Amino acid sequence: MKVTLPFLAAAAAALAVALGAPLATTVLGLIAFGVLHNVLELRYVTGRFAPVLDGRFLAVLFGLISAIVLCRIAAMFVGQPARDAEILVGYAVLAAGCAHALRGWPLAGAGAILAVAAAVSLAWPGYHFVVLAHLHNVVPLCFLWEWAATLPAATRRWFRATQVGWVLVVPAAVLAGAFDVSAVSPSTVAAFAGEPARIVALSAPPGSDPAVGARFLVVFAFLQTMHYFVWVWFLPRYAPDAARAFERRVPWLRGPRAWALGAGLGLALAVLFAVDYASGRALYSAFASYHAYLEFPVLLALVLGTGAARSQLVFRETASDGQHPAAVSTVTGDR
């Protein structure tokens, strides 16, 4: 229960602030923790999954995601054509993940599914980006599920049930109307963040009425807060082996330097947020593409891979006979 109780407390607090002030929670949470969680998530993913994020595959992903960064910057000037290009490159990232994990007919089937999904996304781009925003916030469920594989059986069951609770059950309850959520009204953050409708539009399906939009904003604010809790507090505390694996790859970001980098960049961007929130958010969104898109091919490798394609994906440390822990890769899954 030691690893489960913090999530119960965090979820209760996150739901309270999301219900009470969803607009402020979304805006101020992004300013305070957005950049820092980017840095810490990249550290965790590239450290823990170093065996899969290496060599040519990592170079391909870096190139594709860099193209998405350029698309998001271009969208500030040319609008929808750049957003359509991002959709196509985003599906190319998924295709790269499938190609890394699958072979033969399964790969062909995955390619066909991605082609259909890309066509749907291009037909309804507004829905695509809303789904992408919420999907990013629920991705920690997969990483936490994988992390819990080595916990004792009873602890693992409680831990995973708790993750399903806050990731899926609580948002479903909010959307179903279990909580009293009124339409979003302007607050003090609107003075620099702009009209609430523009912020709601990032998390609600196009054309939603105010009541439905408010529910989606509450869900987004809640999941975003829990997302930050996972990456900024829980995993740095309970998965230090991932940080050590990352530091072996990037020794100049050892120890507190990653935290200092995230805090420093976050402070600089906070100034831009205060001066011009729209520009600050657009710039943040562009460079946040690296952490937002890198997680998807890793998850595809974990979920779709079988046999040799799935083994040796996770970097963990073991210690024996009092010796210093040695880096080893182990097969994912329950043991």
C-alpha atoms as a PDB file:
ATOM      1  CA  MET A   1       0.000   0.000   0.000  1.00  0.00           C
ATOM      2  CA  LYS A   2       2.984   2.309   0.407  1.00  0.00           C
ATOM      3  CA  VAL A   3       3.096   2.991  -3.334  1.00  0.00           C
ATOM      4  CA  THR A   4      -0.693   3.158  -3.672  1.00  0.00           C
ATOM      5  CA  LEU A   5      -1.638   5.634  -0.943  1.00  0.00           C
ATOM      6  CA  PRO A   6       0.132   8.619  -2.581  1.00  0.00           C
ATOM      7  CA  PHE A   7      -2.051   8.137  -5.662  1.00  0.00           C
ATOM      8  CA  LEU A   8      -5.234   8.099  -3.604  1.00  0.00           C
ATOM      9  CA  ALA A   9      -4.253  11.352  -1.893  1.00  0.00           C
ATOM     10  CA  ALA A  10      -3.071  12.968  -5.122  1.00  0.00           C
ATOM     11  CA  ALA A  11      -6.224  11.963  -6.999  1.00  0.00           C
ATOM     12  CA  ALA A  12      -8.472  13.380  -4.283  1.00  0.00           C
ATOM     13  CA  ALA A  13      -6.582  16.684  -4.279  1.00  0.00           C
ATOM     14  CA  ALA A  14      -6.420  16.861  -8.077  1.00  0.00           C
ATOM     15  CA  LEU A  15     -10.146  16.237  -8.416  1.00  0.00           C
ATOM     16  CA  ALA A  16     -10.936  18.897  -5.825  1.00  0.00           C
ATOM     17  CA  VAL A  17      -8.938  21.624  -7.571  1.00  0.00           C
ATOM     18  CA  ALA A  18     -10.141  20.537 -11.023  1.00  0.00           C
ATOM     19  CA  LEU A  19     -13.781  20.750  -9.942  1.00  0.00           C
ATOM     20  CA  GLY A  20     -13.276  24.024  -8.095  1.00  0.00           C
ATOM     21  CA  ALA A  21     -11.167  25.894 -10.640  1.00  0.00           C
ATOM     22  CA  PRO A  22     -10.658  23.914 -13.854  1.00  0.00           C
ATOM     23  CA  LEU A  23      -9.478  26.884 -15.902  1.00  0.00           C
ATOM     24  CA  ALA A  24      -6.881  28.019 -13.371  1.00  0.00           C
ATOM     25  CA  THR A  25      -5.756  24.438 -12.739  1.00  0.00           C
ATOM     26  CA  THR A  26      -5.152  23.885 -16.443  1.00  0.00           C
ATOM     27  CA  VAL A  27      -3.373  27.169 -17.122  1.00  0.00           C
ATOM     28  CA  LEU A  28      -1.314  27.520 -13.949  1.00  0.00           C
ATOM     29  CA  GLY A  29      -0.435  23.828 -13.883  1.00  0.00           C
ATOM     30  CA  LEU A  30       0.989  24.075 -17.389  1.00  0.00           C
ATOM     31  CA  ILE A  31       3.044  27.136 -16.484  1.00  0.00           C
ATOM     32  CA  ALA A  32       4.369  25.634 -13.250  1.00  0.00           C
ATOM     33  CA  PHE A  33       5.114  22.046 -14.290  1.00  0.00           C
ATOM     34  CA  GLY A  34       4.851  21.824 -18.076  1.00  0.00           C
ATOM     35  CA  VAL A  35       8.504  22.164 -19.023  1.00  0.00           C
ATOM     36  CA  LEU A  36       9.835  20.336 -15.960  1.00  0.00           C
ATOM     37  CA  HIS A  37       7.668  17.292 -16.597  1.00  0.00           C
ATOM     38  CA  ASN A  38       8.846  17.275 -20.230  1.00  0.00           C
ATOM     39  CA  VAL A  39      12.457  16.938 -19.119  1.00  0.00           C
ATOM     40  CA  LEU A  40      11.736  14.328 -16.448  1.00  0.00           C
ATOM     41  CA  GLU A  41       9.521  12.234 -18.718  1.00  0.00           C
ATOM     42  CA  LEU A  42      12.158  12.200 -21.447  1.00  0.00           C
ATOM     43  CA  ARG A  43      14.721  11.174 -18.826  1.00  0.00           C
ATOM     44  CA  TYR A  44      12.538   8.286 -17.657  1.00  0.00           C
ATOM     45  CA  VAL A  45      11.491   7.003 -21.076  1.00  0.00           C
ATOM     46  CA  THR A  46      14.935   7.194 -22.696  1.00  0.00           C
ATOM     47  CA  GLY A  47      16.512   5.673 -19.590  1.00  0.00           C
ATOM     48  CA  ARG A  48      14.126   2.856 -18.741  1.00  0.00           C
ATOM     49  CA  PHE A  49      13.598   1.907 -22.377  1.00  0.00           C
ATOM     50  CA  ALA A  50      17.171   2.509 -23.512  1.00  0.00           C
ATOM     51  CA  PRO A  51      17.442  -0.945 -25.135  1.00  0.00           C
ATOM     52  CA  VAL A  52      14.655  -0.096 -27.602  1.00  0.00           C
ATOM     53  CA  LEU A  53      15.355   3.634 -28.006  1.00  0.00           C
ATOM     54  CA  ASP A  54      18.774   3.244 -29.510  1.00  0.00           C
ATOM     55  CA  GLY A  55      20.638   3.425 -32.767  1.00  0.00           C
ATOM     56  CA  ARG A  56      18.789   3.764 -36.039  1.00  0.00           C
ATOM     57  CA  PHE A  57      15.313   3.550 -34.474  1.00  0.00           C
ATOM     58  CA  LEU A  58      16.008   6.493 -32.178  1.00  0.00           C
ATOM     59  CA  ALA A  59      17.432   8.487 -35.096  1.00  0.00           C
ATOM     60  CA  VAL A  60      14.304   7.840 -37.180  1.00  0.00           C
ATOM     61  CA  LEU A  61      12.024   8.892 -34.328  1.00  0.00           C
ATOM     62  CA  PHE A  62      14.070  12.010 -33.647  1.00  0.00           C
ATOM     63  CA  GLY A  63      13.846  13.028 -37.295  1.00  0.00           C
ATOM     64  CA  LEU A  64      10.096  12.457 -37.514  1.00  0.00           C
ATOM     65  CA  ILE A  65       9.324  14.229 -34.245  1.00  0.00           C
ATOM     66  CA  SER A  66      11.554  17.144 -35.236  1.00  0.00           C
ATOM     67  CA  ALA A  67       9.373  17.453 -38.338  1.00  0.00           C
ATOM     68  CA  ILE A  68       6.332  17.640 -36.048  1.00  0.00           C
ATOM     69  CA  VAL A  69       8.016  20.444 -34.096  1.00  0.00           C
ATOM     70  CA  LEU A  70       8.443  22.356 -37.352  1.00  0.00           C
ATOM     71  CA  CYS A  71       4.802  21.673 -38.266  1.00  0.00           C
ATOM     72  CA  ARG A  72       3.613  23.115 -34.967  1.00  0.00           C
ATOM     73  CA  ILE A  73       5.747  26.202 -35.394  1.00  0.00           C
ATOM     74  CA  ALA A  74       4.500  26.601 -38.969  1.00  0.00           C
ATOM     75  CA  ALA A  75       0.910  26.266 -37.743  1.00  0.00           C
ATOM     76  CA  MET A  76       1.354  29.596 -35.967  1.00  0.00           C
ATOM     77  CA  PHE A  77       1.635  31.210 -39.414  1.00  0.00           C
ATOM     78  CA  VAL A  78      -0.128  29.018 -41.992  1.00  0.00           C
ATOM     79  CA  GLY A  79      -2.759  27.294 -39.860  1.00  0.00           C
ATOM     80  CA  GLN A  80      -4.544  24.144 -40.988  1.00  0.00           C
ATOM     81  CA  PRO A  81      -2.133  22.927 -43.706  1.00  0.00           C
ATOM     82  CA  ALA A  82       0.597  22.608 -41.078  1.00  0.00           C
ATOM     83  CA  ARG A  83      -1.798  20.827 -38.715  1.00  0.00           C
ATOM     84  CA  ASP A  84      -2.669  18.353 -41.465  1.00  0.00           C
ATOM     85  CA  ALA A  85       1.032  17.764 -42.027  1.00  0.00           C
ATOM     86  CA  GLU A  86       1.465  17.097 -38.299  1.00  0.00           C
ATOM     87  CA  ILE A  87      -1.275  14.476 -38.448  1.00  0.00           C
ATOM     88  CA  LEU A  88       0.477  12.667 -41.295  1.00  0.00           C
ATOM     89  CA  VAL A  89       3.895  12.766 -39.626  1.00  0.00           C
ATOM     90  CA  GLY A  90       2.318  11.674 -36.342  1.00  0.00           C
ATOM     91  CA  TYR A  91       0.991   8.550 -38.011  1.00  0.00           C
ATOM     92  CA  ALA A  92       4.439   8.026 -39.518  1.00  0.00           C
ATOM     93  CA  VAL A  93       5.786   7.917 -35.951  1.00  0.00           C
ATOM     94  CA  LEU A  94       3.235   5.230 -35.110  1.00  0.00           C
ATOM     95  CA  ALA A  95       4.146   3.351 -38.285  1.00  0.00           C
ATOM     96  CA  ALA A  96       7.804   3.427 -37.263  1.00  0.00           C
ATOM     97  CA  GLY A  97       6.868   1.936 -33.899  1.00  0.00           C
ATOM     98  CA  CYS A  98       4.849  -0.815 -35.569  1.00  0.00           C
ATOM     99  CA  ALA A  99       7.673  -1.569 -37.993  1.00  0.00           C
ATOM    100  CA  HIS A 100      10.058  -1.922 -35.075  1.00  0.00           C
ATOM    101  CA  ALA A 101       7.798  -4.345 -33.184  1.00  0.00           C
ATOM    102  CA  LEU A 102       6.081  -6.354 -35.932  1.00  0.00           C
ATOM    103  CA  ARG A 103       6.932  -8.341 -39.030  1.00  0.00           C
ATOM    104  CA  GLY A 104       5.000  -9.925 -41.885  1.00  0.00           C
ATOM    105  CA  TRP A 105       1.210  -9.959 -41.966  1.00  0.00           C
ATOM    106  CA  PRO A 106       0.774  -8.368 -38.506  1.00  0.00           C
ATOM    107  CA  LEU A 107       2.785  -5.392 -39.739  1.00  0.00           C
ATOM    108  CA  ALA A 108       0.686  -5.181 -42.905  1.00  0.00           C
ATOM    109  CA  GLY A 109      -2.488  -5.267 -40.820  1.00  0.00           C
ATOM    110  CA  ALA A 110      -1.198  -2.539 -38.523  1.00  0.00           C
ATOM    111  CA  GLY A 111      -0.303  -0.447 -41.561  1.00  0.00           C
ATOM    112  CA  ALA A 112      -3.821  -0.786 -42.947  1.00  0.00           C
ATOM    113  CA  ILE A 113      -5.337   0.255 -39.622  1.00  0.00           C
ATOM    114  CA  LEU A 114      -3.042   3.282 -39.424  1.00  0.00           C
ATOM    115  CA  ALA A 115      -3.959   4.289 -42.979  1.00  0.00           C
ATOM    116  CA  VAL A 116      -7.674   4.229 -42.157  1.00  0.00           C
ATOM    117  CA  ALA A 117      -7.102   6.089 -38.886  1.00  0.00           C
ATOM    118  CA  ALA A 118      -5.042   8.748 -40.669  1.00  0.00           C
ATOM    119  CA  ALA A 119      -7.836   9.286 -43.187  1.00  0.00           C
ATOM    120  CA  VAL A 120     -10.350   9.694 -40.355  1.00  0.00           C
ATOM    121  CA  SER A 121      -8.063  12.150 -38.562  1.00  0.00           C
ATOM    122  CA  LEU A 122      -7.599  14.238 -41.701  1.00  0.00           C
ATOM    123  CA  ALA A 123     -11.361  14.298 -42.214  1.00  0.00           C
ATOM    124  CA  TRP A 124     -11.992  15.482 -38.633  1.00  0.00           C
ATOM    125  CA  PRO A 125      -8.771  17.177 -37.458  1.00  0.00           C
ATOM    126  CA  GLY A 126     -10.490  18.982 -34.590  1.00  0.00           C
ATOM    127  CA  TYR A 127     -11.430  15.679 -32.991  1.00  0.00           C
ATOM    128  CA  HIS A 128      -7.963  14.279 -33.689  1.00  0.00           C
ATOM    129  CA  PHE A 129      -6.183  16.891 -31.598  1.00  0.00           C
ATOM    130  CA  VAL A 130      -8.692  16.696 -28.738  1.00  0.00           C
ATOM    131  CA  VAL A 131      -8.228  12.916 -28.592  1.00  0.00           C
ATOM    132  CA  LEU A 132      -4.451  13.375 -28.747  1.00  0.00           C
ATOM    133  CA  ALA A 133      -4.536  15.834 -25.830  1.00  0.00           C
ATOM    134  CA  HIS A 134      -6.470  13.455 -23.590  1.00  0.00           C
ATOM    135  CA  LEU A 135      -4.546  10.394 -24.764  1.00  0.00           C
ATOM    136  CA  HIS A 136      -1.283  11.992 -23.701  1.00  0.00           C
ATOM    137  CA  ASN A 137      -2.642  12.464 -20.188  1.00  0.00           C
ATOM    138  CA  VAL A 138      -3.698   8.807 -19.833  1.00  0.00           C
ATOM    139  CA  VAL A 139      -0.451   7.331 -21.202  1.00  0.00           C
ATOM    140  CA  PRO A 140       1.068   7.133 -17.677  1.00  0.00           C
ATOM    141  CA  LEU A 141      -1.319   4.229 -17.028  1.00  0.00           C
ATOM    142  CA  CYS A 142       0.727   2.079 -19.412  1.00  0.00           C
ATOM    143  CA  PHE A 143       4.078   3.087 -17.932  1.00  0.00           C
ATOM    144  CA  LEU A 144       2.846   2.603 -14.359  1.00  0.00           C
ATOM    145  CA  TRP A 145       1.355  -0.774 -15.302  1.00  0.00           C
ATOM    146  CA  GLU A 146       4.728  -1.854 -16.676  1.00  0.00           C
ATOM    147  CA  TRP A 147       6.614  -0.426 -13.684  1.00  0.00           C
ATOM    148  CA  ALA A 148       4.435  -2.440 -11.284  1.00  0.00           C
ATOM    149  CA  ALA A 149       5.418  -5.763 -12.894  1.00  0.00           C
ATOM    150  CA  THR A 150       8.000  -6.524 -10.207  1.00  0.00           C
ATOM    151  CA  LEU A 151       5.841  -5.578  -7.202  1.00  0.00           C
ATOM    152  CA  PRO A 152       4.527  -8.364  -4.938  1.00  0.00           C
ATOM    153  CA  ALA A 153       1.326  -9.842  -6.352  1.00  0.00           C
ATOM    154  CA  ALA A 154      -1.106  -8.331  -3.837  1.00  0.00           C
ATOM    155  CA  THR A 155       0.540  -4.910  -3.956  1.00  0.00           C
ATOM    156  CA  ARG A 156       0.600  -5.028  -7.739  1.00  0.00           C
ATOM    157  CA  ARG A 157      -3.132  -5.720  -7.935  1.00  0.00           C
ATOM    158  CA  TRP A 158      -4.006  -2.834  -5.611  1.00  0.00           C
ATOM    159  CA  PHE A 159      -1.600  -0.497  -7.386  1.00  0.00           C
ATOM    160  CA  ARG A 160      -2.903  -1.277 -10.852  1.00  0.00           C
ATOM    161  CA  ALA A 161      -6.526  -1.056  -9.736  1.00  0.00           C
ATOM    162  CA  THR A 162      -5.808   2.400  -8.326  1.00  0.00           C
ATOM    163  CA  GLN A 163      -4.285   3.527 -11.626  1.00  0.00           C
ATOM    164  CA  VAL A 164      -7.334   2.316 -13.555  1.00  0.00           C
ATOM    165  CA  GLY A 165      -9.483   4.188 -11.058  1.00  0.00           C
ATOM    166  CA  TRP A 166      -7.998   7.629 -11.559  1.00  0.00           C
ATOM    167  CA  VAL A 167      -7.206   7.260 -15.266  1.00  0.00           C
ATOM    168  CA  LEU A 168     -10.531   5.798 -16.424  1.00  0.00           C
ATOM    169  CA  VAL A 169     -13.196   5.615 -13.713  1.00  0.00           C
ATOM    170  CA  VAL A 170     -12.967   9.167 -12.343  1.00  0.00           C
ATOM    171  CA  PRO A 171     -13.003  10.845 -15.803  1.00  0.00           C
ATOM    172  CA  ALA A 172     -15.925   8.645 -16.869  1.00  0.00           C
ATOM    173  CA  ALA A 173     -17.828   9.684 -13.747  1.00  0.00           C
ATOM    174  CA  VAL A 174     -17.181  13.378 -14.435  1.00  0.00           C
ATOM    175  CA  LEU A 175     -18.322  13.086 -18.049  1.00  0.00           C
ATOM    176  CA  ALA A 176     -21.416  11.149 -16.968  1.00  0.00           C
ATOM    177  CA  GLY A 177     -22.442  14.008 -14.676  1.00  0.00           C
ATOM    178  CA  ALA A 178     -21.634  12.436 -11.312  1.00  0.00           C
ATOM    179  CA  PHE A 179     -20.228  15.772 -10.122  1.00  0.00           C
ATOM    180  CA  ASP A 180     -21.801  19.208 -10.219  1.00  0.00           C
ATOM    181  CA  VAL A 181     -19.888  20.914 -13.022  1.00  0.00           C
ATOM    182  CA  SER A 182     -21.264  24.232 -14.195  1.00  0.00           C
ATOM    183  CA  ALA A 183     -20.228  26.101 -17.323  1.00  0.00           C
ATOM    184  CA  VAL A 184     -16.729  27.565 -17.174  1.00  0.00           C
ATOM    185  CA  SER A 185     -16.728  31.242 -16.285  1.00  0.00           C
ATOM    186  CA  PRO A 186     -13.896  33.759 -16.624  1.00  0.00           C
ATOM    187  CA  SER A 187     -11.394  33.826 -13.767  1.00  0.00           C
ATOM    188  CA  THR A 188      -8.319  35.843 -12.914  1.00  0.00           C
ATOM    189  CA  VAL A 189      -6.181  33.760 -15.293  1.00  0.00           C
ATOM    190  CA  ALA A 190      -8.361  34.923 -18.193  1.00  0.00           C
ATOM    191  CA  ALA A 191      -6.643  38.301 -17.899  1.00  0.00           C
ATOM    192  CA  PHE A 192      -3.542  36.851 -19.587  1.00  0.00           C
ATOM    193  CA  ALA A 193      -4.689  33.438 -20.873  1.00  0.00           C
ATOM    194  CA  GLY A 194      -7.568  34.788 -22.938  1.00  0.00           C
ATOM    195  CA  GLU A 195     -11.186  33.769 -23.284  1.00  0.00           C
ATOM    196  CA  PRO A 196     -12.128  30.520 -21.497  1.00  0.00           C
ATOM    197  CA  ALA A 197     -13.750  29.220 -24.678  1.00  0.00           C
ATOM    198  CA  ARG A 198     -10.354  29.053 -26.393  1.00  0.00           C
ATOM    199  CA  ILE A 199      -8.933  26.918 -23.589  1.00  0.00           C
ATOM    200  CA  VAL A 200     -12.008  24.699 -23.392  1.00  0.00           C
ATOM    201  CA  ALA A 201     -11.735  24.100 -27.150  1.00  0.00           C
ATOM    202  CA  LEU A 202      -8.376  22.379 -26.616  1.00  0.00           C
ATOM    203  CA  SER A 203      -9.969  19.650 -24.499  1.00  0.00           C
ATOM    204  CA  ALA A 204     -13.605  19.404 -25.665  1.00  0.00           C
ATOM    205  CA  PRO A 205     -14.993  17.993 -28.931  1.00  0.00           C
ATOM    206  CA  PRO A 206     -15.753  20.676 -31.533  1.00  0.00           C
ATOM    207  CA  GLY A 207     -19.227  22.132 -31.176  1.00  0.00           C
ATOM    208  CA  SER A 208     -19.750  20.976 -27.585  1.00  0.00           C
ATOM    209  CA  ASP A 209     -22.327  22.910 -25.592  1.00  0.00           C
ATOM    210  CA  PRO A 210     -21.007  24.820 -22.530  1.00  0.00           C
ATOM    211  CA  ALA A 211     -22.018  22.155 -19.994  1.00  0.00           C
ATOM    212  CA  VAL A 212     -20.314  19.349 -21.909  1.00  0.00           C
ATOM    213  CA  GLY A 213     -17.281  21.528 -22.580  1.00  0.00           C
ATOM    214  CA  ALA A 214     -16.991  22.259 -18.859  1.00  0.00           C
ATOM    215  CA  ARG A 215     -16.985  18.549 -18.044  1.00  0.00           C
ATOM    216  CA  PHE A 216     -14.244  17.866 -20.567  1.00  0.00           C
ATOM    217  CA  LEU A 217     -12.194  20.740 -19.148  1.00  0.00           C
ATOM    218  CA  VAL A 218     -12.540  19.322 -15.627  1.00  0.00           C
ATOM    219  CA  VAL A 219     -11.414  15.918 -16.890  1.00  0.00           C
ATOM    220  CA  PHE A 220      -8.453  17.488 -18.662  1.00  0.00           C
ATOM    221  CA  ALA A 221      -7.470  19.561 -15.609  1.00  0.00           C
ATOM    222  CA  PHE A 222      -7.705  16.493 -13.362  1.00  0.00           C
ATOM    223  CA  LEU A 223      -5.722  14.200 -15.665  1.00  0.00           C
ATOM    224  CA  GLN A 224      -3.117  16.877 -16.385  1.00  0.00           C
ATOM    225  CA  THR A 225      -2.537  17.363 -12.656  1.00  0.00           C
ATOM    226  CA  MET A 226      -2.177  13.621 -12.099  1.00  0.00           C
ATOM    227  CA  HIS A 227       0.074  13.447 -15.157  1.00  0.00           C
ATOM    228  CA  TYR A 228       2.414  15.947 -13.520  1.00  0.00           C
ATOM    229  CA  PHE A 229       2.249  14.030 -10.231  1.00  0.00           C
ATOM    230  CA  VAL A 230       3.420  10.866 -11.974  1.00  0.00           C
ATOM    231  CA  TRP A 231       6.328  12.418 -13.839  1.00  0.00           C
ATOM    232  CA  VAL A 232       7.501  15.046 -11.354  1.00  0.00           C
ATOM    233  CA  TRP A 233       7.025  13.204  -8.047  1.00  0.00           C
ATOM    234  CA  PHE A 234       6.246   9.494  -8.262  1.00  0.00           C
ATOM    235  CA  LEU A 235       8.555   8.041 -10.921  1.00  0.00           C
ATOM    236  CA  PRO A 236      11.636  10.115  -9.983  1.00  0.00           C
ATOM    237  CA  ARG A 237      11.153   8.822  -6.418  1.00  0.00           C
ATOM    238  CA  TYR A 238      10.268   5.191  -7.097  1.00  0.00           C
ATOM    239  CA  ALA A 239      12.147   4.472 -10.342  1.00  0.00           C
ATOM    240  CA  PRO A 240      15.642   5.922  -9.810  1.00  0.00           C
ATOM    241  CA  ASP A 241      17.164   3.193 -11.978  1.00  0.00           C
ATOM    242  CA  ALA A 242      15.648   4.878 -15.040  1.00  0.00           C
ATOM    243  CA  ALA A 243      17.386   8.139 -14.145  1.00  0.00           C
ATOM    244  CA  ARG A 244      20.705   6.334 -13.681  1.00  0.00           C
ATOM    245  CA  ALA A 245      20.314   4.618 -17.042  1.00  0.00           C
ATOM    246  CA  PHE A 246      19.656   7.988 -18.665  1.00  0.00           C
ATOM    247  CA  GLU A 247      22.701   9.500 -16.963  1.00  0.00           C
ATOM    248  CA  ARG A 248      24.887   6.794 -18.476  1.00  0.00           C
ATOM    249  CA  ARG A 249      23.709   7.974 -21.891  1.00  0.00           C
ATOM    250  CA  VAL A 250      23.792  11.703 -21.092  1.00  0.00           C
ATOM    251  CA  PRO A 251      26.362  12.153 -18.304  1.00  0.00           C
ATOM    252  CA  TRP A 252      26.244  15.947 -18.441  1.00  0.00           C
ATOM    253  CA  LEU A 253      22.692  15.806 -17.037  1.00  0.00           C
ATOM    254  CA  ARG A 254      23.565  13.823 -13.924  1.00  0.00           C
ATOM    255  CA  GLY A 255      21.864  14.314 -10.587  1.00  0.00           C
ATOM    256  CA  PRO A 256      20.116  17.635 -10.057  1.00  0.00           C
ATOM    257  CA  ARG A 257      21.148  19.021 -13.445  1.00  0.00           C
ATOM    258  CA  ALA A 258      18.065  17.627 -15.192  1.00  0.00           C
ATOM    259  CA  TRP A 259      15.874  19.274 -12.558  1.00  0.00           C
ATOM    260  CA  ALA A 260      17.800  22.530 -12.929  1.00  0.00           C
ATOM    261  CA  LEU A 261      17.420  22.399 -16.712  1.00  0.00           C
ATOM    262  CA  GLY A 262      13.677  21.824 -16.468  1.00  0.00           C
ATOM    263  CA  ALA A 263      13.215  24.522 -13.842  1.00  0.00           C
ATOM    264  CA  GLY A 264      15.353  27.037 -15.725  1.00  0.00           C
ATOM    265  CA  LEU A 265      13.627  26.533 -19.056  1.00  0.00           C
ATOM    266  CA  GLY A 266      10.274  26.536 -17.297  1.00  0.00           C
ATOM    267  CA  LEU A 267      11.011  29.860 -15.637  1.00  0.00           C
ATOM    268  CA  ALA A 268      12.060  31.403 -18.950  1.00  0.00           C
ATOM    269  CA  LEU A 269       8.915  30.169 -20.660  1.00  0.00           C
ATOM    270  CA  ALA A 270       6.773  31.354 -17.739  1.00  0.00           C
ATOM    271  CA  VAL A 271       7.868  34.899 -18.543  1.00  0.00           C
ATOM    272  CA  LEU A 272       6.633  34.463 -22.113  1.00  0.00           C
ATOM    273  CA  PHE A 273       3.386  32.957 -20.821  1.00  0.00           C
ATOM    274  CA  ALA A 274       2.832  36.048 -18.680  1.00  0.00           C
ATOM    275  CA  VAL A 275       3.587  38.437 -21.543  1.00  0.00           C
ATOM    276  CA  ASP A 276       1.796  36.560 -24.345  1.00  0.00           C
ATOM    277  CA  TYR A 277       0.080  33.371 -23.220  1.00  0.00           C
ATOM    278  CA  ALA A 278      -0.989  32.293 -26.718  1.00  0.00           C
ATOM    279  CA  SER A 279       2.546  32.542 -28.115  1.00  0.00           C
ATOM    280  CA  GLY A 280       3.996  30.872 -25.041  1.00  0.00           C
ATOM    281  CA  ARG A 281       1.606  27.973 -25.308  1.00  0.00           C
ATOM    282  CA  ALA A 282       2.269  27.567 -29.029  1.00  0.00           C
ATOM    283  CA  LEU A 283       6.032  27.498 -28.433  1.00  0.00           C
ATOM    284  CA  TYR A 284       5.637  25.078 -25.536  1.00  0.00           C
ATOM    285  CA  SER A 285       3.379  22.829 -27.615  1.00  0.00           C
ATOM    286  CA  ALA A 286       5.949  22.710 -30.410  1.00  0.00           C
ATOM    287  CA  PHE A 287       8.887  21.576 -28.308  1.00  0.00           C
ATOM    288  CA  ALA A 288       6.713  19.365 -26.090  1.00  0.00           C
ATOM    289  CA  SER A 289       6.258  17.205 -29.198  1.00  0.00           C
ATOM    290  CA  TYR A 290       9.445  15.316 -28.321  1.00  0.00           C
ATOM    291  CA  HIS A 291       8.092  13.879 -25.085  1.00  0.00           C
ATOM    292  CA  ALA A 292       4.480  13.622 -26.300  1.00  0.00           C
ATOM    293  CA  TYR A 293       5.240  11.604 -29.437  1.00  0.00           C
ATOM    294  CA  LEU A 294       8.243   9.592 -28.244  1.00  0.00           C
ATOM    295  CA  GLU A 295       6.110   7.655 -25.764  1.00  0.00           C
ATOM    296  CA  PHE A 296       3.824   6.177 -28.432  1.00  0.00           C
ATOM    297  CA  PRO A 297       6.359   4.003 -30.311  1.00  0.00           C
ATOM    298  CA  VAL A 298       7.688   2.758 -26.974  1.00  0.00           C
ATOM    299  CA  LEU A 299       4.194   1.720 -25.948  1.00  0.00           C
ATOM    300  CA  LEU A 300       3.641   0.050 -29.313  1.00  0.00           C
ATOM    301  CA  ALA A 301       6.836  -1.940 -28.831  1.00  0.00           C
ATOM    302  CA  LEU A 302       5.645  -3.034 -25.385  1.00  0.00           C
ATOM    303  CA  VAL A 303       2.083  -3.874 -26.408  1.00  0.00           C
ATOM    304  CA  LEU A 304       2.571  -5.303 -29.901  1.00  0.00           C
ATOM    305  CA  GLY A 305       5.936  -6.971 -29.591  1.00  0.00           C
ATOM    306  CA  THR A 306       6.064 -10.726 -29.049  1.00  0.00           C
ATOM    307  CA  GLY A 307       8.890 -13.114 -28.390  1.00  0.00           C
ATOM    308  CA  ALA A 308      12.288 -11.753 -29.320  1.00  0.00           C
ATOM    309  CA  ALA A 309      10.747  -8.489 -30.505  1.00  0.00           C
ATOM    310  CA  ARG A 310       9.341  -7.817 -27.038  1.00  0.00           C
ATOM    311  CA  SER A 311      12.204  -9.027 -24.898  1.00  0.00           C
ATOM    312  CA  GLN A 312      15.051  -6.905 -23.631  1.00  0.00           C
ATOM    313  CA  LEU A 313      13.036  -3.688 -23.746  1.00  0.00           C
ATOM    314  CA  VAL A 314      13.350  -2.486 -20.181  1.00  0.00           C
ATOM    315  CA  PHE A 315      16.447  -1.293 -18.372  1.00  0.00           C
ATOM    316  CA  ARG A 316      16.529  -2.272 -14.686  1.00  0.00           C
ATOM    317  CA  GLU A 317      19.215  -2.636 -12.064  1.00  0.00           C
ATOM    318  CA  THR A 318      19.885  -5.611  -9.843  1.00  0.00           C
ATOM    319  CA  ALA A 319      22.312  -6.083  -7.019  1.00  0.00           C
ATOM    320  CA  SER A 320      23.747  -9.291  -5.579  1.00  0.00           C
ATOM    321  CA  ASP A 321      26.340 -10.238  -2.946  1.00  0.00           C
ATOM    322  CA  GLY A 322      26.640  -6.658  -1.806  1.00  0.00           C
ATOM    323  CA  GLN A 323      28.073  -5.540  -5.107  1.00  0.00           C
ATOM    324  CA  HIS A 324      27.200  -2.299  -6.809  1.00  0.00           C
ATOM    325  CA  PRO A 325      24.015  -2.654  -8.906  1.00  0.00           C
ATOM    326  CA  ALA A 326      24.686  -3.699 -12.464  1.00  0.00           C
ATOM    327  CA  ALA A 327      22.619  -2.646 -15.421  1.00  0.00           C
ATOM    328  CA  VAL A 328      20.594  -5.436 -16.970  1.00  0.00           C
ATOM    329  CA  SER A 329      17.715  -5.672 -19.373  1.00  0.00           C
ATOM    330  CA  THR A 330      14.795  -7.899 -18.455  1.00  0.00           C
ATOM    331  CA  VAL A 331      11.708  -9.139 -20.189  1.00  0.00           C
ATOM    332  CA  THR A 332       8.642  -7.095 -19.339  1.00  0.00           C
ATOM    333  CA  GLY A 333       5.582  -8.688 -17.833  1.00  0.00           C
ATOM    334  CA  ASP A 334       4.334 -10.124 -14.544  1.00  0.00           C
ATOM    335  CA  ARG A 335       6.611 -12.358 -12.593  1.00  0.00           C
END
